[in-house]
Amino acid sequence: MRKFTGKKLLFATHNKGKLAEMRALLKPYGIEVLSNSDFNLPEPAETETTFVGNARIKAHAAAKATGLPALSDDSGIEVDALDGAPGVYTADWAETPNGRDFVMAMTKTWEACEKIAAPLPRTARFRSTLVLAWPDGHDEVFDGKIEGQLVWPMRGAQGHGYDPMFQPDGFDITFAEMDPAEKNRISHRANAFRKLVSCFSSRQNISGGSRYEPVLGYSRAVVQGDWCFVAGTTGADPATKTFPDSALTQTRNALATIKAVLEGAGFRMEDIVRANYVIKTGSLVEEIAPALTEYLGEIRPAAMMIVADLVNPAMKVEIEVTAFRG
């Protein structure tokens, strides 16, 4: 498999929803994601009858036009009662003289199921094929899917496309009702993306949110494959060399930054499998307990609590976690 070693990647799409989703997925890898709009690229005709065929058309056209490696996604929804339709023609079902209307497309899909009295649940799946193409013509292909069912009426205002009528297996809400970070973790595109990252460096240093990082040139978070290590940031100010006064505030700050880093890298707090707590004195245990309950709740990672002096006398708490995305 060819490795991607650059810092800029063209995502060959005009779809703002897909672009935002891909930028969120690639953010932990430090890759700048450009789009067709940045180069005024036209949409090439999608003349193939498979997801991979159409994705290849878009990726190679963009790579050839810009000289950049280009990533393309071709995706759609397959409804079992409709023999897999709309499938690769998902976007076509939404076409109108004034642009794409997915409310119309979803209505059309449900009415087609009603017309044949399709039994409930009306099972369906989202499919995504990612193609990463280089200007020399080489490409790599990654497939992903998520199973679920259609619901009616449509629910939710998040997401894009068919999200308001698709309820993934294991959930009682639609993609459009789901927090975007949660959707990005489980979606068909995310499943394909997990295969795509094998093209990138297996180890990524990412920001933990500390204002000391750019000053000292280090990182408080590392992602390697399905593992993520994060050291929380207590809220220190490098300019004044001060910390929040209370251990509770330092703990809340540390756990908030841990949560933000994990979600930005495609993990959840529930993925934490180990936590290390260093506190200045044993008497602080009761003070920091409300923050642990607030952020960890019923999560019970393997944990170690150490009482020790920290680097700065004003620092009362240090929290490190390891998460596994299984």
Protein backbone atom coordinates (compact mmCIF):
# COMPACT_ATOMS: atom_id res chain seq x y z
CA MET A 1 0.00 0.00 0.00
CA ARG A 2 1.32 3.44 -0.92
CA LYS A 3 1.70 5.83 2.01
CA PHE A 4 0.41 9.41 1.99
CA THR A 5 3.23 11.65 3.20
CA GLY A 6 1.99 15.14 2.31
CA LYS A 7 0.34 17.85 4.38
CA LYS A 8 -2.30 18.92 1.82
CA LEU A 9 -5.07 16.74 0.47
CA LEU A 10 -7.81 17.67 -1.98
CA PHE A 11 -11.19 16.21 -1.08
CA ALA A 12 -12.92 16.07 -4.45
CA THR A 13 -16.37 17.31 -3.50
CA HIS A 14 -18.63 20.36 -3.60
CA ASN A 15 -20.78 18.90 -0.81
CA LYS A 16 -20.27 21.11 2.27
CA GLY A 17 -21.60 18.46 4.64
CA LYS A 18 -19.20 15.80 3.40
CA LEU A 19 -16.34 18.32 3.44
CA ALA A 20 -16.98 19.28 7.07
CA GLU A 21 -17.18 15.60 8.05
CA MET A 22 -13.89 14.75 6.31
CA ARG A 23 -12.10 17.78 7.76
CA ALA A 24 -13.17 16.66 11.24
CA LEU A 25 -11.92 13.13 10.59
CA LEU A 26 -8.54 14.31 9.22
CA LYS A 27 -7.94 17.06 11.80
CA PRO A 28 -5.98 14.82 14.21
CA TYR A 29 -3.53 14.00 11.41
CA GLY A 30 -2.52 17.60 10.77
CA ILE A 31 -3.62 17.46 7.12
CA GLU A 32 -5.01 20.54 5.42
CA VAL A 33 -8.11 19.52 3.48
CA LEU A 34 -8.95 21.51 0.36
CA SER A 35 -11.99 21.04 -1.86
CA ASN A 36 -13.06 21.38 -5.47
CA SER A 37 -14.35 24.86 -4.66
CA ASP A 38 -10.82 26.02 -3.78
CA PHE A 39 -9.79 25.32 -7.39
CA ASN A 40 -13.11 26.02 -9.15
CA LEU A 41 -13.15 22.43 -10.37
CA PRO A 42 -16.29 21.23 -12.16
CA GLU A 43 -18.13 18.06 -11.15
CA PRO A 44 -17.06 15.31 -13.57
CA ALA A 45 -19.81 13.13 -15.01
CA GLU A 46 -20.32 10.03 -12.86
CA THR A 47 -20.85 7.46 -15.58
CA GLU A 48 -20.04 4.27 -13.68
CA THR A 49 -22.59 1.93 -12.08
CA THR A 50 -20.58 1.20 -8.91
CA PHE A 51 -19.48 3.32 -5.97
CA VAL A 52 -15.80 2.56 -6.61
CA GLY A 53 -16.11 3.42 -10.29
CA ASN A 54 -17.60 6.85 -9.64
CA ALA A 55 -15.19 7.57 -6.78
CA ARG A 56 -12.27 6.81 -9.09
CA ILE A 57 -13.59 9.21 -11.72
CA LYS A 58 -13.76 12.07 -9.22
CA ALA A 59 -10.46 11.39 -7.47
CA HIS A 60 -8.38 11.00 -10.62
CA ALA A 61 -9.94 14.04 -12.29
CA ALA A 62 -9.11 16.21 -9.28
CA ALA A 63 -5.57 14.85 -8.88
CA LYS A 64 -4.82 15.38 -12.57
CA ALA A 65 -6.23 18.94 -12.56
CA THR A 66 -4.41 20.14 -9.43
CA GLY A 67 -1.27 18.03 -9.13
CA LEU A 68 -2.30 17.17 -5.55
CA PRO A 69 -3.23 13.79 -4.09
CA ALA A 70 -7.03 13.71 -4.15
CA LEU A 71 -9.53 11.85 -2.04
CA SER A 72 -13.00 11.12 -3.33
CA ASP A 73 -16.05 9.58 -1.74
CA ASP A 74 -18.93 7.98 -3.53
CA SER A 75 -21.67 7.00 -1.18
CA GLY A 76 -25.33 6.28 -1.03
CA ILE A 77 -28.12 4.46 0.71
CA GLU A 78 -29.29 0.98 -0.25
CA VAL A 79 -32.82 -0.02 0.69
CA ASP A 80 -33.36 -3.77 0.78
CA ALA A 81 -37.08 -3.55 -0.11
CA LEU A 82 -36.14 -1.59 -3.25
CA ASP A 83 -33.50 -4.13 -4.35
CA GLY A 84 -30.67 -1.85 -3.24
CA ALA A 85 -32.03 1.36 -4.77
CA PRO A 86 -31.29 4.21 -4.85
CA GLY A 87 -27.69 3.00 -4.30
CA VAL A 88 -25.20 4.71 -6.63
CA TYR A 89 -28.09 6.89 -7.86
CA THR A 90 -28.83 8.32 -4.40
CA ALA A 91 -27.90 11.87 -5.44
CA ASP A 92 -29.81 11.50 -8.72
CA TRP A 93 -33.03 10.81 -6.79
CA ALA A 94 -32.61 14.25 -5.23
CA GLU A 95 -32.01 16.18 -8.45
CA THR A 96 -34.39 19.00 -9.42
CA PRO A 97 -34.08 21.87 -11.91
CA ASN A 98 -33.11 24.04 -8.94
CA GLY A 99 -30.56 21.71 -7.36
CA ARG A 100 -30.74 18.71 -5.05
CA ASP A 101 -33.76 18.30 -2.79
CA PHE A 102 -33.19 15.48 -0.32
CA VAL A 103 -36.54 16.00 1.40
CA MET A 104 -38.12 15.16 -1.93
CA ALA A 105 -35.75 12.19 -2.36
CA MET A 106 -36.52 10.79 1.09
CA THR A 107 -40.25 11.21 0.49
CA LYS A 108 -39.90 9.42 -2.85
CA THR A 109 -37.99 6.58 -1.18
CA TRP A 110 -40.57 6.09 1.58
CA GLU A 111 -43.47 6.26 -0.88
CA ALA A 112 -41.78 3.62 -3.06
CA CYS A 113 -41.66 1.34 -0.01
CA GLU A 114 -45.30 2.11 0.81
CA LYS A 115 -46.36 1.35 -2.77
CA ILE A 116 -45.09 -2.23 -2.50
CA ALA A 117 -46.19 -2.56 1.15
CA ALA A 118 -42.63 -3.32 2.23
CA PRO A 119 -42.67 -4.91 5.71
CA LEU A 120 -41.19 -3.20 8.74
CA PRO A 121 -38.44 -2.75 9.70
CA ARG A 122 -37.37 -1.40 6.32
CA THR A 123 -33.73 -2.36 6.50
CA ALA A 124 -31.14 -0.28 4.72
CA ARG A 125 -27.48 0.61 4.82
CA PHE A 126 -25.26 3.53 3.98
CA ARG A 127 -22.22 2.64 1.88
CA SER A 128 -19.10 4.69 1.29
CA THR A 129 -16.15 4.05 -0.99
CA LEU A 130 -13.10 6.27 -0.58
CA VAL A 131 -10.51 6.47 -3.34
CA LEU A 132 -7.18 8.18 -2.71
CA ALA A 133 -5.54 9.01 -6.04
CA TRP A 134 -2.14 10.45 -6.85
CA PRO A 135 -1.31 12.61 -9.90
CA ASP A 136 0.73 9.73 -11.38
CA GLY A 137 -2.46 7.63 -11.69
CA HIS A 138 -1.98 5.33 -8.69
CA ASP A 139 -4.90 4.88 -6.30
CA GLU A 140 -5.93 3.06 -3.13
CA VAL A 141 -9.54 2.00 -2.37
CA PHE A 142 -11.32 1.76 1.01
CA ASP A 143 -14.92 0.61 1.59
CA GLY A 144 -17.19 1.17 4.58
CA LYS A 145 -20.83 0.63 5.50
CA ILE A 146 -23.29 0.91 8.37
CA GLU A 147 -26.49 -1.09 8.71
CA GLY A 148 -29.80 0.35 9.90
CA GLN A 149 -33.39 0.99 8.95
CA LEU A 150 -35.59 3.69 7.46
CA VAL A 151 -37.89 5.67 9.75
CA TRP A 152 -40.82 7.96 8.97
CA PRO A 153 -41.49 10.78 9.42
CA MET A 154 -38.03 12.30 9.08
CA ARG A 155 -36.35 13.26 12.35
CA GLY A 156 -33.55 15.66 13.23
CA ALA A 157 -31.81 18.69 11.77
CA GLN A 158 -28.15 17.61 11.84
CA GLY A 159 -26.22 15.96 9.05
CA HIS A 160 -27.06 15.95 5.37
CA GLY A 161 -28.61 13.83 2.62
CA TYR A 162 -30.72 10.92 3.88
CA ASP A 163 -29.61 11.33 7.51
CA PRO A 164 -33.09 12.33 8.81
CA MET A 165 -34.64 9.00 7.80
CA PHE A 166 -31.78 6.62 8.63
CA GLN A 167 -31.61 5.04 12.09
CA PRO A 168 -28.40 3.01 12.55
CA ASP A 169 -28.56 -0.37 14.25
CA GLY A 170 -28.09 -0.15 18.00
CA PHE A 171 -29.53 3.39 18.25
CA ASP A 172 -33.03 4.81 18.67
CA ILE A 173 -32.20 8.12 16.96
CA THR A 174 -31.45 9.00 13.36
CA PHE A 175 -28.15 10.27 12.01
CA ALA A 176 -29.77 13.72 11.83
CA GLU A 177 -30.60 13.60 15.56
CA MET A 178 -27.13 12.46 16.50
CA ASP A 179 -24.30 14.64 17.75
CA PRO A 180 -21.96 15.13 14.75
CA ALA A 181 -19.00 13.75 16.71
CA GLU A 182 -20.91 10.56 17.45
CA LYS A 183 -22.04 10.20 13.85
CA ASN A 184 -18.46 10.77 12.64
CA ARG A 185 -17.35 7.94 14.93
CA ILE A 186 -19.75 5.28 13.59
CA SER A 187 -20.73 6.36 10.06
CA HIS A 188 -20.10 4.46 6.84
CA ARG A 189 -17.58 7.16 5.90
CA ALA A 190 -15.84 6.76 9.27
CA ASN A 191 -15.65 3.00 8.74
CA ALA A 192 -14.02 3.54 5.35
CA PHE A 193 -11.81 6.22 6.89
CA ARG A 194 -10.45 3.79 9.52
CA LYS A 195 -9.09 1.74 6.62
CA LEU A 196 -7.81 4.85 4.85
CA VAL A 197 -5.64 5.89 7.82
CA SER A 198 -3.40 2.92 7.10
CA CYS A 199 -2.06 5.16 4.29
CA PHE A 200 -1.00 7.76 6.84
CA SER A 201 1.72 7.62 9.44
CA SER A 202 0.69 5.13 12.12
CA ARG A 203 1.64 7.60 14.87
CA GLN A 204 0.28 11.14 15.14
CA ASN A 205 1.14 13.75 17.74
CA ILE A 206 -1.81 16.09 18.25
CA SER A 207 -2.44 19.11 20.40
CA GLY A 208 -3.82 18.59 23.88
CA GLY A 209 -4.89 22.22 24.09
CA SER A 210 -2.08 23.38 26.37
CA ARG A 211 -0.77 26.88 25.77
CA TYR A 212 2.67 25.53 26.68
CA GLU A 213 2.76 23.26 23.61
CA PRO A 214 3.71 25.91 21.03
CA VAL A 215 6.08 27.53 23.51
CA LEU A 216 7.99 24.35 24.35
CA GLY A 217 7.37 22.46 21.09
CA TYR A 218 5.80 19.30 22.45
CA SER A 219 2.46 17.48 22.32
CA ARG A 220 0.24 16.25 25.14
CA ALA A 221 -1.64 13.74 22.99
CA VAL A 222 -0.67 10.87 20.69
CA VAL A 223 -2.83 8.72 18.41
CA GLN A 224 -1.51 5.43 17.13
CA GLY A 225 -3.98 3.24 15.30
CA ASP A 226 -6.91 2.53 17.61
CA TRP A 227 -5.05 3.83 20.67
CA CYS A 228 -4.94 7.37 22.03
CA PHE A 229 -2.93 8.78 24.94
CA VAL A 230 -3.88 12.20 26.36
CA ALA A 231 -2.45 14.23 29.21
CA GLY A 232 -5.05 16.72 30.39
CA THR A 233 -4.39 20.46 30.51
CA THR A 234 -5.10 22.07 33.88
CA GLY A 235 -5.40 25.65 32.62
CA ALA A 236 -1.89 26.98 33.23
CA ASP A 237 -0.96 30.32 31.64
CA PRO A 238 2.63 30.29 30.28
CA ALA A 239 2.71 34.09 30.16
CA THR A 240 2.02 34.58 33.87
CA LYS A 241 3.07 31.07 34.97
CA THR A 242 -0.10 30.78 37.00
CA PHE A 243 -2.59 27.98 37.56
CA PRO A 244 -6.24 27.99 38.64
CA ASP A 245 -6.32 28.07 42.44
CA SER A 246 -8.54 25.08 43.17
CA ALA A 247 -7.78 21.43 42.54
CA LEU A 248 -11.40 20.98 41.43
CA THR A 249 -11.02 23.60 38.68
CA GLN A 250 -7.71 22.10 37.55
CA THR A 251 -9.35 18.67 37.41
CA ARG A 252 -12.34 19.93 35.42
CA ASN A 253 -10.00 21.69 32.97
CA ALA A 254 -7.90 18.56 32.54
CA LEU A 255 -10.91 16.31 31.92
CA ALA A 256 -12.52 18.84 29.55
CA THR A 257 -9.38 18.94 27.39
CA ILE A 258 -9.13 15.15 27.48
CA LYS A 259 -12.75 14.87 26.30
CA ALA A 260 -12.16 17.41 23.50
CA VAL A 261 -9.01 15.68 22.27
CA LEU A 262 -10.58 12.22 22.32
CA GLU A 263 -13.69 13.34 20.43
CA GLY A 264 -11.59 15.28 17.92
CA ALA A 265 -9.60 12.11 17.23
CA GLY A 266 -12.72 9.97 16.81
CA PHE A 267 -12.78 8.46 20.32
CA ARG A 268 -15.31 8.67 23.17
CA MET A 269 -14.84 9.06 26.91
CA GLU A 270 -16.26 5.52 27.14
CA ASP A 271 -13.18 4.30 25.23
CA ILE A 272 -10.90 5.19 28.17
CA VAL A 273 -9.36 1.97 29.47
CA ARG A 274 -6.77 3.40 31.87
CA ALA A 275 -6.43 6.60 33.90
CA ASN A 276 -3.53 7.86 35.98
CA TYR A 277 -4.12 10.57 38.56
CA VAL A 278 -1.30 12.42 40.30
CA ILE A 279 -2.39 14.67 43.17
CA LYS A 280 -0.30 16.87 45.43
CA THR A 281 -1.81 15.63 48.70
CA GLY A 282 -4.17 12.85 49.66
CA SER A 283 -6.60 15.38 51.11
CA LEU A 284 -7.48 16.51 47.57
CA VAL A 285 -9.31 13.26 46.73
CA GLU A 286 -12.65 14.46 48.03
CA GLU A 287 -12.23 17.88 46.40
CA ILE A 288 -11.70 16.50 42.89
CA ALA A 289 -14.32 13.72 43.16
CA PRO A 290 -17.22 15.83 41.72
CA ALA A 291 -15.26 16.44 38.51
CA LEU A 292 -14.46 12.74 38.12
CA THR A 293 -18.15 11.91 38.52
CA GLU A 294 -19.17 14.67 36.10
CA TYR A 295 -16.88 13.55 33.28
CA LEU A 296 -16.47 9.82 33.85
CA GLY A 297 -19.83 8.89 35.39
CA GLU A 298 -20.20 5.12 35.21
CA ILE A 299 -16.99 4.68 33.21
CA ARG A 300 -14.67 2.53 35.27
CA PRO A 301 -11.22 2.47 33.66
CA ALA A 302 -8.30 0.76 35.32
CA ALA A 303 -6.88 3.55 37.47
CA MET A 304 -3.91 4.53 39.59
CA MET A 305 -3.76 7.48 41.98
CA ILE A 306 -0.36 8.75 43.07
CA VAL A 307 0.36 11.34 45.74
CA ALA A 308 3.47 13.29 44.77
CA ASP A 309 4.90 16.76 44.28
CA LEU A 310 4.39 18.12 40.78
CA VAL A 311 6.76 20.25 38.68
CA ASN A 312 5.14 23.54 39.62
CA PRO A 313 4.11 24.08 43.26
CA ALA A 314 0.83 25.66 42.07
CA MET A 315 -0.07 22.54 40.11
CA LYS A 316 -2.26 20.29 42.23
CA VAL A 317 -3.47 17.65 39.75
CA GLU A 318 -2.17 15.81 36.69
CA ILE A 319 -4.43 13.42 34.75
CA GLU A 320 -3.41 11.09 31.93
CA VAL A 321 -5.65 8.63 30.10
CA THR A 322 -5.27 5.89 27.54
CA ALA A 323 -8.20 5.11 25.24
CA PHE A 324 -8.79 2.17 22.93
CA ARG A 325 -11.24 2.33 20.06
CA GLY A 326 -12.30 -1.32 19.87
